[in-house]
Each structure stands twice: as C-alpha cells, then as structure tokens.
N, C-alpha and C. Protein backbone atom coordinates (compact mmCIF):
# COMPACT_ATOMS: atom_id res chain seq x y z
N MET A 1 85.21 60.50 35.15
CA MET A 1 85.55 61.44 34.04
C MET A 1 84.39 61.08 32.82
N LEU A 2 84.41 61.87 32.09
CA LEU A 2 83.62 61.60 30.89
C LEU A 2 84.75 61.85 29.62
N ARG A 3 84.74 60.77 28.84
CA ARG A 3 85.43 61.12 27.62
C ARG A 3 84.51 61.47 26.32
N VAL A 4 84.69 62.58 25.56
CA VAL A 4 83.96 62.94 24.61
C VAL A 4 84.95 62.87 23.18
N LEU A 5 84.18 62.57 22.27
CA LEU A 5 84.75 62.57 20.71
C LEU A 5 84.45 63.65 20.24
N GLY A 6 85.16 64.67 19.81
CA GLY A 6 84.45 65.81 18.98
C GLY A 6 84.86 65.68 17.49
N VAL A 7 83.94 66.06 16.67
CA VAL A 7 84.19 65.73 15.44
C VAL A 7 83.64 67.09 14.49
N ASP A 8 84.74 67.92 13.74
CA ASP A 8 84.58 68.97 13.04
C ASP A 8 84.45 68.51 11.63
N PRO A 9 83.34 68.15 11.01
CA PRO A 9 83.20 67.38 9.92
C PRO A 9 83.56 67.99 8.71
N GLY A 10 84.21 67.56 7.72
CA GLY A 10 84.63 67.95 6.51
C GLY A 10 85.02 66.82 5.65
N LEU A 11 84.98 67.02 4.34
CA LEU A 11 85.44 65.84 3.51
C LEU A 11 87.05 65.88 3.20
N THR A 12 87.71 67.03 2.98
CA THR A 12 89.07 67.09 2.81
C THR A 12 89.87 66.77 4.17
N ARG A 13 89.46 67.49 5.11
CA ARG A 13 89.88 67.34 6.51
C ARG A 13 88.80 67.37 7.43
N CYS A 14 88.77 66.26 7.92
CA CYS A 14 87.56 65.99 9.19
C CYS A 14 88.30 66.00 10.61
N GLY A 15 88.31 66.90 11.41
CA GLY A 15 88.88 66.97 12.42
C GLY A 15 88.22 65.99 13.36
N LEU A 16 89.18 65.22 14.40
CA LEU A 16 88.76 64.59 15.69
C LEU A 16 89.44 64.78 16.60
N GLY A 17 88.78 65.07 17.92
CA GLY A 17 89.54 65.20 19.35
C GLY A 17 88.80 64.60 20.32
N VAL A 18 89.54 64.00 21.18
CA VAL A 18 89.07 63.17 22.32
C VAL A 18 89.49 64.05 23.64
N VAL A 19 88.71 64.27 24.39
CA VAL A 19 89.00 64.95 25.60
C VAL A 19 88.21 64.32 26.87
N ASP A 20 89.01 64.22 27.84
CA ASP A 20 88.48 63.78 29.10
C ASP A 20 88.17 65.03 30.23
N GLY A 21 86.91 64.92 30.80
CA GLY A 21 86.71 66.07 31.59
C GLY A 21 85.49 66.10 32.54
N LEU A 22 85.10 66.75 33.06
CA LEU A 22 83.79 67.03 33.92
C LEU A 22 83.59 68.49 33.99
N PRO A 23 82.28 68.82 34.02
CA PRO A 23 81.99 70.40 34.14
C PRO A 23 82.55 70.90 35.32
N GLY A 24 83.12 71.90 35.03
CA GLY A 24 83.82 72.68 36.13
C GLY A 24 85.18 72.32 36.43
N ARG A 25 85.65 71.19 35.84
CA ARG A 25 87.19 70.92 35.88
C ARG A 25 87.97 71.00 34.72
N ARG A 26 89.04 71.21 34.88
CA ARG A 26 90.06 71.47 33.54
C ARG A 26 89.99 70.22 32.66
N PRO A 27 89.68 70.20 31.65
CA PRO A 27 89.76 69.08 30.61
C PRO A 27 91.22 68.73 30.22
N GLU A 28 91.10 67.37 29.88
CA GLU A 28 92.48 66.74 29.46
C GLU A 28 92.49 66.19 28.04
N LEU A 29 93.43 66.64 27.30
CA LEU A 29 93.44 66.15 25.74
C LEU A 29 93.97 64.72 25.74
N VAL A 30 93.09 63.92 24.99
CA VAL A 30 93.70 62.47 25.01
C VAL A 30 94.36 62.27 23.63
N GLU A 31 93.73 62.83 22.48
CA GLU A 31 94.31 63.06 21.28
C GLU A 31 93.53 63.82 20.34
N ALA A 32 94.17 64.38 19.39
CA ALA A 32 93.57 65.39 18.20
C ALA A 32 94.33 65.10 16.90
N GLY A 33 93.53 64.97 15.89
CA GLY A 33 94.13 64.89 14.47
C GLY A 33 92.94 65.03 13.38
N VAL A 34 93.26 64.77 12.37
CA VAL A 34 92.47 64.91 11.24
C VAL A 34 92.37 63.60 10.45
N VAL A 35 91.32 63.35 9.54
CA VAL A 35 91.45 62.59 8.80
C VAL A 35 91.00 63.41 7.20
N ARG A 36 92.14 62.94 6.42
CA ARG A 36 92.40 63.75 5.15
C ARG A 36 91.88 62.76 3.99
N THR A 37 91.05 63.23 2.94
CA THR A 37 90.78 62.51 1.87
C THR A 37 90.93 63.33 0.78
N PRO A 38 91.63 62.90 -0.33
CA PRO A 38 91.83 63.80 -1.56
C PRO A 38 90.70 64.32 -2.30
N SER A 39 90.36 65.36 -2.93
CA SER A 39 89.54 65.84 -3.43
C SER A 39 89.13 65.11 -4.87
N ASP A 40 90.23 64.50 -5.30
CA ASP A 40 90.10 63.84 -6.73
C ASP A 40 89.58 62.54 -6.62
N VAL A 41 89.15 61.94 -5.42
CA VAL A 41 88.85 60.63 -5.15
C VAL A 41 87.35 60.61 -5.09
N GLU A 42 86.63 59.55 -5.58
CA GLU A 42 85.11 59.43 -5.61
C GLU A 42 84.56 59.41 -4.14
N LEU A 43 83.51 60.40 -4.13
CA LEU A 43 82.83 60.65 -2.95
C LEU A 43 82.54 59.33 -1.96
N GLY A 44 82.14 58.35 -2.45
CA GLY A 44 81.73 57.03 -1.69
C GLY A 44 83.24 56.54 -0.92
N ARG A 45 84.20 56.64 -1.84
CA ARG A 45 85.59 55.96 -1.29
C ARG A 45 85.99 57.28 -0.17
N ARG A 46 85.57 58.32 -0.39
CA ARG A 46 85.92 59.34 0.87
C ARG A 46 85.30 59.21 2.25
N LEU A 47 83.86 58.98 1.93
CA LEU A 47 83.13 58.84 2.94
C LEU A 47 83.48 57.32 3.62
N VAL A 48 83.93 56.38 2.87
CA VAL A 48 84.40 55.18 3.59
C VAL A 48 85.61 55.31 4.31
N ALA A 49 86.32 56.21 3.83
CA ALA A 49 87.74 56.34 4.62
C ALA A 49 87.42 57.44 5.94
N ILE A 50 86.52 58.10 5.76
CA ILE A 50 86.14 58.61 7.07
C ILE A 50 85.62 57.99 8.11
N GLU A 51 84.73 56.99 7.67
CA GLU A 51 84.00 55.86 8.63
C GLU A 51 84.95 55.06 9.21
N ALA A 52 86.14 54.85 8.39
CA ALA A 52 87.04 53.69 8.80
C ALA A 52 87.88 54.53 9.86
N ALA A 53 88.14 55.66 9.87
CA ALA A 53 89.16 56.30 10.89
C ALA A 53 88.07 56.73 12.04
N VAL A 54 86.71 57.10 11.80
CA VAL A 54 86.11 57.38 13.06
C VAL A 54 85.81 56.03 14.00
N ASP A 55 85.64 55.02 13.12
CA ASP A 55 85.42 53.65 13.92
C ASP A 55 86.65 53.26 14.47
N ASP A 56 87.78 53.66 14.08
CA ASP A 56 89.22 53.46 14.78
C ASP A 56 89.24 54.19 15.94
N TRP A 57 88.90 55.51 15.73
CA TRP A 57 88.98 56.39 17.09
C TRP A 57 88.02 55.62 18.04
N LEU A 58 86.79 55.50 17.59
CA LEU A 58 85.86 54.88 18.58
C LEU A 58 86.38 53.76 19.55
N ASP A 59 87.02 52.81 18.56
CA ASP A 59 87.25 51.47 19.17
C ASP A 59 88.63 51.85 20.02
N ARG A 60 89.34 52.74 19.84
CA ARG A 60 90.67 53.12 20.73
C ARG A 60 90.39 53.74 21.82
N TRP A 61 89.54 54.73 21.71
CA TRP A 61 89.51 55.54 22.54
C TRP A 61 88.12 55.33 23.44
N ARG A 62 87.17 54.69 23.13
CA ARG A 62 86.04 54.16 23.84
C ARG A 62 85.19 55.60 24.56
N PRO A 63 84.81 56.51 23.72
CA PRO A 63 84.29 57.77 24.38
C PRO A 63 82.79 57.32 24.97
N ALA A 64 82.41 58.20 25.95
CA ALA A 64 80.89 58.00 26.37
C ALA A 64 79.98 58.74 25.47
N ALA A 65 80.38 59.93 24.70
CA ALA A 65 79.50 60.69 24.12
C ALA A 65 80.43 61.00 22.85
N VAL A 66 79.66 61.46 21.70
CA VAL A 66 80.28 62.11 20.58
C VAL A 66 79.40 63.28 20.19
N THR A 67 80.15 64.27 19.86
CA THR A 67 79.55 65.66 19.67
C THR A 67 80.14 65.99 18.05
N VAL A 68 79.25 66.47 17.53
CA VAL A 68 79.41 66.96 15.97
C VAL A 68 78.95 68.32 15.87
N GLU A 69 79.75 68.88 15.00
CA GLU A 69 79.49 70.40 14.73
C GLU A 69 78.25 70.51 13.81
N ARG A 70 77.34 71.18 14.18
CA ARG A 70 75.97 71.70 13.66
C ARG A 70 76.33 72.14 12.30
N VAL A 71 75.81 71.58 11.09
CA VAL A 71 76.02 72.08 9.89
C VAL A 71 74.98 73.51 9.75
N PHE A 72 75.71 74.27 9.34
CA PHE A 72 75.10 75.64 9.02
C PHE A 72 75.20 76.19 7.69
N SER A 73 74.04 76.83 7.30
CA SER A 73 74.14 77.30 5.82
C SER A 73 75.41 78.29 5.65
N GLN A 74 76.12 77.69 4.42
CA GLN A 74 77.37 78.31 4.02
C GLN A 74 76.85 78.75 2.67
N HIS A 75 77.60 79.78 1.90
CA HIS A 75 77.43 80.30 0.69
C HIS A 75 77.69 79.21 -0.48
N ASN A 76 78.35 78.22 -0.11
CA ASN A 76 79.10 77.44 -1.18
C ASN A 76 78.21 76.00 -0.72
N VAL A 77 77.16 75.79 -1.60
CA VAL A 77 76.15 74.47 -1.23
C VAL A 77 76.94 73.31 -1.45
N ARG A 78 77.89 73.34 -2.16
CA ARG A 78 79.10 72.07 -2.36
C ARG A 78 79.70 71.61 -1.14
N THR A 79 80.03 72.69 -0.41
CA THR A 79 80.88 72.50 0.86
C THR A 79 80.03 72.24 1.98
N VAL A 80 78.75 72.75 1.94
CA VAL A 80 77.86 72.35 3.05
C VAL A 80 77.36 70.81 2.97
N MET A 81 77.21 70.50 1.75
CA MET A 81 76.94 69.15 1.46
C MET A 81 77.80 68.05 2.04
N GLY A 82 79.22 68.26 1.55
CA GLY A 82 80.30 67.58 1.99
C GLY A 82 80.37 67.55 3.75
N THR A 83 80.47 68.70 4.04
CA THR A 83 80.30 68.69 5.55
C THR A 83 79.21 67.82 6.30
N ALA A 84 78.12 67.96 5.66
CA ALA A 84 76.78 67.26 6.20
C ALA A 84 77.16 65.83 5.92
N GLN A 85 77.50 65.45 5.01
CA GLN A 85 77.94 63.94 4.23
C GLN A 85 78.86 63.34 5.46
N ALA A 86 80.01 64.15 5.62
CA ALA A 86 81.04 63.76 6.74
C ALA A 86 80.51 63.55 8.26
N GLY A 87 79.57 64.67 8.49
CA GLY A 87 78.98 64.63 9.82
C GLY A 87 78.07 63.35 10.00
N ALA A 88 77.50 63.21 9.08
CA ALA A 88 76.49 62.05 9.14
C ALA A 88 77.25 60.62 9.18
N VAL A 89 78.31 60.56 8.74
CA VAL A 89 79.16 59.22 8.85
C VAL A 89 79.53 59.08 10.37
N ALA A 90 80.00 60.23 11.00
CA ALA A 90 80.18 60.33 12.42
C ALA A 90 79.12 59.72 13.19
N VAL A 91 78.06 60.38 12.91
CA VAL A 91 76.79 60.17 13.64
C VAL A 91 76.38 58.60 13.39
N LEU A 92 76.44 58.09 12.23
CA LEU A 92 76.20 56.80 12.06
C LEU A 92 77.13 55.77 12.82
N CYS A 93 78.56 56.01 12.98
CA CYS A 93 79.52 55.37 13.49
C CYS A 93 78.77 55.33 15.07
N ALA A 94 78.71 56.42 15.48
CA ALA A 94 78.18 56.51 17.01
C ALA A 94 76.99 55.83 17.14
N SER A 95 76.17 56.00 16.46
CA SER A 95 74.76 55.50 16.82
C SER A 95 74.92 53.77 16.59
N ARG A 96 75.78 53.31 15.62
CA ARG A 96 75.94 51.75 15.71
C ARG A 96 76.47 51.23 17.00
N ARG A 97 76.86 52.07 17.80
CA ARG A 97 77.40 51.73 19.19
C ARG A 97 76.50 51.98 20.22
N GLY A 98 75.38 52.58 19.87
CA GLY A 98 74.62 52.97 21.15
C GLY A 98 75.27 54.36 21.76
N LEU A 99 75.96 55.12 21.19
CA LEU A 99 76.61 56.27 21.90
C LEU A 99 75.65 57.59 21.69
N PRO A 100 75.40 58.18 22.55
CA PRO A 100 74.64 59.48 22.63
C PRO A 100 75.42 60.51 21.52
N VAL A 101 74.81 61.20 20.67
CA VAL A 101 75.42 61.99 19.66
C VAL A 101 74.82 63.40 19.97
N ALA A 102 75.58 64.61 20.22
CA ALA A 102 75.37 65.75 20.41
C ALA A 102 75.65 66.87 19.31
N PHE A 103 74.79 67.74 19.13
CA PHE A 103 75.23 68.71 18.25
C PHE A 103 75.36 70.10 18.73
N HIS A 104 76.55 70.77 18.30
CA HIS A 104 76.82 72.07 18.81
C HIS A 104 77.04 72.84 17.47
N THR A 105 76.43 74.19 17.68
CA THR A 105 76.63 74.98 16.64
C THR A 105 78.13 75.75 16.68
N PRO A 106 78.71 76.27 15.33
CA PRO A 106 80.06 76.87 15.91
C PRO A 106 80.05 78.36 16.79
N SER A 107 78.81 78.94 16.68
CA SER A 107 78.76 80.18 17.63
C SER A 107 78.71 79.79 19.17
N GLU A 108 78.10 78.42 19.43
CA GLU A 108 77.74 77.91 20.69
C GLU A 108 79.24 77.61 21.15
N VAL A 109 80.06 76.85 20.22
CA VAL A 109 81.22 76.41 20.81
C VAL A 109 82.40 77.72 20.85
N LYS A 110 82.28 78.52 19.86
CA LYS A 110 83.16 79.72 20.20
C LYS A 110 82.89 80.40 21.55
N ALA A 111 81.54 80.44 21.81
CA ALA A 111 81.05 81.31 23.07
C ALA A 111 81.68 80.32 24.23
N ALA A 112 81.49 79.15 24.17
CA ALA A 112 81.96 78.27 25.45
C ALA A 112 83.55 78.20 25.68
N ILE A 113 84.11 78.32 24.69
CA ILE A 113 85.67 78.39 24.59
C ILE A 113 86.44 79.56 24.69
N THR A 114 85.77 80.59 24.07
CA THR A 114 86.43 82.07 24.23
C THR A 114 85.59 83.03 25.13
N GLY A 115 84.28 82.84 24.98
CA GLY A 115 83.40 84.07 25.71
C GLY A 115 82.63 84.71 24.36
N SER A 116 82.93 84.50 23.23
CA SER A 116 82.57 85.14 22.21
C SER A 116 81.88 84.47 21.18
N GLY A 117 80.93 84.33 20.81
CA GLY A 117 80.28 83.52 19.63
C GLY A 117 80.71 83.71 18.21
N ARG A 118 81.58 85.07 18.31
CA ARG A 118 82.15 85.60 16.95
C ARG A 118 83.79 85.46 16.99
N ALA A 119 84.27 84.86 17.83
CA ALA A 119 85.72 84.46 17.93
C ALA A 119 86.34 83.87 16.61
N GLY A 120 87.25 84.07 16.02
CA GLY A 120 88.04 83.56 14.90
C GLY A 120 88.63 82.31 15.37
N LYS A 121 89.17 81.61 14.24
CA LYS A 121 89.89 80.23 14.38
C LYS A 121 91.17 80.37 15.35
N PRO A 122 91.95 81.51 15.05
CA PRO A 122 93.00 81.61 15.97
C PRO A 122 92.90 81.96 17.36
N GLN A 123 91.71 82.48 17.80
CA GLN A 123 91.04 82.65 19.26
C GLN A 123 90.79 81.48 19.72
N VAL A 124 90.14 80.53 18.96
CA VAL A 124 89.57 79.55 19.46
C VAL A 124 90.73 78.27 19.52
N GLY A 125 91.68 78.37 18.76
CA GLY A 125 92.73 77.52 18.84
C GLY A 125 93.78 77.92 20.27
N ALA A 126 93.82 79.20 20.33
CA ALA A 126 94.76 79.75 21.49
C ALA A 126 93.97 79.54 22.62
N MET A 127 92.55 79.56 22.89
CA MET A 127 92.14 79.45 24.25
C MET A 127 91.91 77.61 24.37
N VAL A 128 92.06 76.94 23.34
CA VAL A 128 91.90 75.37 23.43
C VAL A 128 93.31 75.03 24.16
N ALA A 129 94.26 75.70 23.43
CA ALA A 129 95.78 75.36 24.15
C ALA A 129 95.80 75.88 25.74
N ARG A 130 95.49 77.00 25.85
CA ARG A 130 95.21 77.50 27.18
C ARG A 130 94.57 76.69 28.20
N LEU A 131 93.52 76.25 27.66
CA LEU A 131 92.55 75.38 28.74
C LEU A 131 93.02 74.12 29.06
N LEU A 132 93.93 73.63 27.90
CA LEU A 132 94.48 72.12 28.09
C LEU A 132 95.89 72.20 28.39
N SER A 133 96.41 73.32 28.81
CA SER A 133 97.88 73.72 29.27
C SER A 133 98.96 72.83 28.13
N LEU A 134 98.41 73.38 26.73
CA LEU A 134 99.54 72.97 25.94
C LEU A 134 100.16 74.25 25.30
N PRO A 135 101.45 73.76 24.89
CA PRO A 135 102.19 75.02 24.52
C PRO A 135 101.62 75.53 23.06
N ASP A 136 100.90 74.69 22.44
CA ASP A 136 100.39 75.33 21.00
C ASP A 136 99.11 74.59 20.79
N PRO A 137 98.15 75.33 20.01
CA PRO A 137 97.10 74.69 19.64
C PRO A 137 97.31 73.28 18.88
N PRO A 138 96.24 72.42 18.96
CA PRO A 138 96.28 71.25 18.03
C PRO A 138 96.39 71.78 16.67
N ARG A 139 97.39 71.05 15.85
CA ARG A 139 97.19 71.41 14.25
C ARG A 139 96.64 70.08 13.38
N PRO A 140 96.04 70.35 12.21
CA PRO A 140 95.76 71.77 11.72
C PRO A 140 94.40 72.31 12.82
N ALA A 141 93.88 73.45 12.28
CA ALA A 141 92.75 74.23 12.87
C ALA A 141 91.48 73.09 13.03
N ASP A 142 91.32 72.36 12.22
CA ASP A 142 90.22 71.27 12.21
C ASP A 142 90.42 70.67 13.48
N ALA A 143 91.69 70.00 13.76
CA ALA A 143 91.74 69.18 15.10
C ALA A 143 91.38 70.12 16.19
N ALA A 144 91.73 71.37 16.25
CA ALA A 144 91.79 72.26 17.28
C ALA A 144 90.16 72.53 17.49
N ASP A 145 89.56 72.67 16.33
CA ASP A 145 88.04 72.81 16.36
C ASP A 145 87.41 71.56 16.91
N ALA A 146 87.88 70.29 16.58
CA ALA A 146 87.12 69.10 17.12
C ALA A 146 87.45 69.09 18.65
N VAL A 147 88.61 69.49 19.15
CA VAL A 147 88.78 69.37 20.48
C VAL A 147 87.85 70.51 21.41
N ALA A 148 87.78 71.73 20.82
CA ALA A 148 86.78 72.69 21.22
C ALA A 148 85.28 72.14 21.33
N LEU A 149 84.66 71.40 20.30
CA LEU A 149 83.57 70.61 20.17
C LEU A 149 83.44 69.94 21.49
N ALA A 150 84.70 68.99 21.72
CA ALA A 150 84.58 68.12 22.98
C ALA A 150 84.52 68.69 24.03
N ILE A 151 85.10 69.92 24.08
CA ILE A 151 85.31 70.63 25.57
C ILE A 151 83.69 71.44 25.76
N CYS A 152 83.27 71.89 24.77
CA CYS A 152 81.93 72.47 24.69
C CYS A 152 81.06 71.54 25.17
N HIS A 153 80.96 70.46 24.84
CA HIS A 153 80.11 69.43 25.23
C HIS A 153 80.24 69.04 26.70
N LEU A 154 81.39 68.91 27.09
CA LEU A 154 81.74 68.58 28.49
C LEU A 154 81.03 69.73 29.23
N TRP A 155 81.25 70.69 28.86
CA TRP A 155 80.84 71.98 29.85
C TRP A 155 79.20 72.25 29.94
N ARG A 156 78.76 72.15 28.49
CA ARG A 156 77.49 72.53 28.25
C ARG A 156 76.47 71.43 27.97
N GLY A 157 76.89 70.39 27.38
CA GLY A 157 75.97 69.36 26.91
C GLY A 157 75.86 68.27 27.94
N THR A 158 76.81 68.23 29.00
CA THR A 158 76.56 67.07 30.14
C THR A 158 75.25 67.77 30.92
N GLY A 159 75.45 69.03 31.32
CA GLY A 159 74.26 69.78 31.94
C GLY A 159 73.07 69.77 31.41
N GLN A 160 72.99 70.04 29.99
CA GLN A 160 71.98 69.92 29.20
C GLN A 160 71.16 68.61 29.27
N ALA A 161 71.96 67.48 29.22
CA ALA A 161 71.51 66.05 29.19
C ALA A 161 70.80 65.59 30.56
N ARG A 162 71.32 66.46 31.47
CA ARG A 162 70.85 66.06 33.00
C ARG A 162 69.56 66.73 33.33
N LEU A 163 69.35 68.13 32.76
CA LEU A 163 68.28 68.68 32.78
C LEU A 163 67.00 68.19 31.98
N SER A 164 67.45 67.53 30.71
CA SER A 164 66.48 66.98 30.05
C SER A 164 65.93 65.60 30.62
N ALA A 165 67.07 65.10 31.21
CA ALA A 165 66.39 63.76 31.89
C ALA A 165 65.46 64.00 33.07
N ALA A 166 65.92 65.00 33.81
CA ALA A 166 65.02 65.39 35.12
C ALA A 166 63.86 66.00 34.78
N VAL A 167 63.63 66.75 33.37
CA VAL A 167 62.24 67.11 32.90
C VAL A 167 61.56 66.00 32.59
N GLY A 168 62.06 65.05 31.74
CA GLY A 168 61.30 63.63 31.48
C GLY A 168 60.91 62.90 32.80
N ARG A 169 61.60 62.83 33.54
CA ARG A 169 61.26 62.01 34.79
C ARG A 169 59.98 62.77 35.69
N SER A 170 59.87 64.19 35.43
CA SER A 170 59.03 64.76 36.05
C SER A 170 57.54 65.09 35.35
N GLY A 171 57.60 64.45 34.09
CA GLY A 171 56.24 64.45 33.44
C GLY A 171 56.41 65.59 32.29
N GLY A 172 57.84 65.91 32.16
CA GLY A 172 57.98 66.76 30.68
C GLY A 172 57.65 68.10 30.74
N GLY A 173 57.39 68.83 31.84
CA GLY A 173 57.06 70.14 31.82
C GLY A 173 57.47 70.96 32.82
N TRP A 174 57.71 72.29 32.76
CA TRP A 174 57.83 73.08 34.06
C TRP A 174 56.57 73.80 34.56
N ALA A 175 56.44 73.39 35.72
CA ALA A 175 54.92 73.87 36.32
C ALA A 175 55.07 75.27 37.14
C-alpha cells in the first residue's frame, strides 16, 4: 500500500487528506480535515500555523508522498498569492523529510475522480464519498478536495513516476 497526503492549499482553510491505496485498487481514507487560520491574523503567523499542522500530519501519518494542488491563475491576485504561499509551506514541510512532492491541476483531479475536468465541487465530493464507500463526503469541501488530490496521485502520479524512472534508466528518450 502507498500512503499519500493531499493538500488543497489555502490561507483561511487548507484542506488535508491522507489516503492509502494502489493503482487499480479501491483507496482507503485514513483522515481528512482542514487547518483554519483567521483572516485578521498576520500572514506570517498564519503560515506558521499551517506549517505546524502539516508537520503534525506528516509525523502522525508518515505518507510516502505528498501531492499539492497546482495553483492556477485566478481573478483575485490576493487569493492566488495566499493559495501559493500555503502550498509552498506544504512543499517545504515534505521536502525537509525527503518526501516526493507532486502537483496536480484542479482539472486533472476532477477528471481522475469524476471523469470530467469541469466537474463542480459537489460532484467531486460525491465521487470521493462513493470511491471510499463513505456515507457522505468529507467536510468541509476543502477536505474532500485534498482527499481527491491524494486519490488522483495514487491513480495517476504513481504510474507517471514509474514511467519517468524507466525513461531515465533508458537514457532519457523514446527511440
């Protein structure tokens, strides 16, 4: 079994989800939750709180890999900056431990979980619940998104990693 920590970065709510599984097998939920930081608290203190929570999850659950949602351009630059900063904290925490970190776009995760890269949050949450045999999706939606990231990585990322390693061993090219 491979254990993956998914991180749906955000300053106000940073989703975290740990899933066990293998490609082609039903994943199993280990834990899902969010780190909340108040918007009226100074940025540095908010990032330290996210760091402490991510470190705690890494210590408790000992994942083999971490996956973070790739930040994409949003209309609100302030929102994208906070998302990027929270994501960078998760990458730093994982990298300190020598864990591989992967990035998946929102549309890639949606396609892996629902079959459509344009699925909405309710569809993603419903499919996460179905895939994990849960009565309801993890709450809040940020936790469900983090779990979806972890599942996406189990299904897509592990195969991509093996392919990259094989290409590297063969001299780096397709002949």
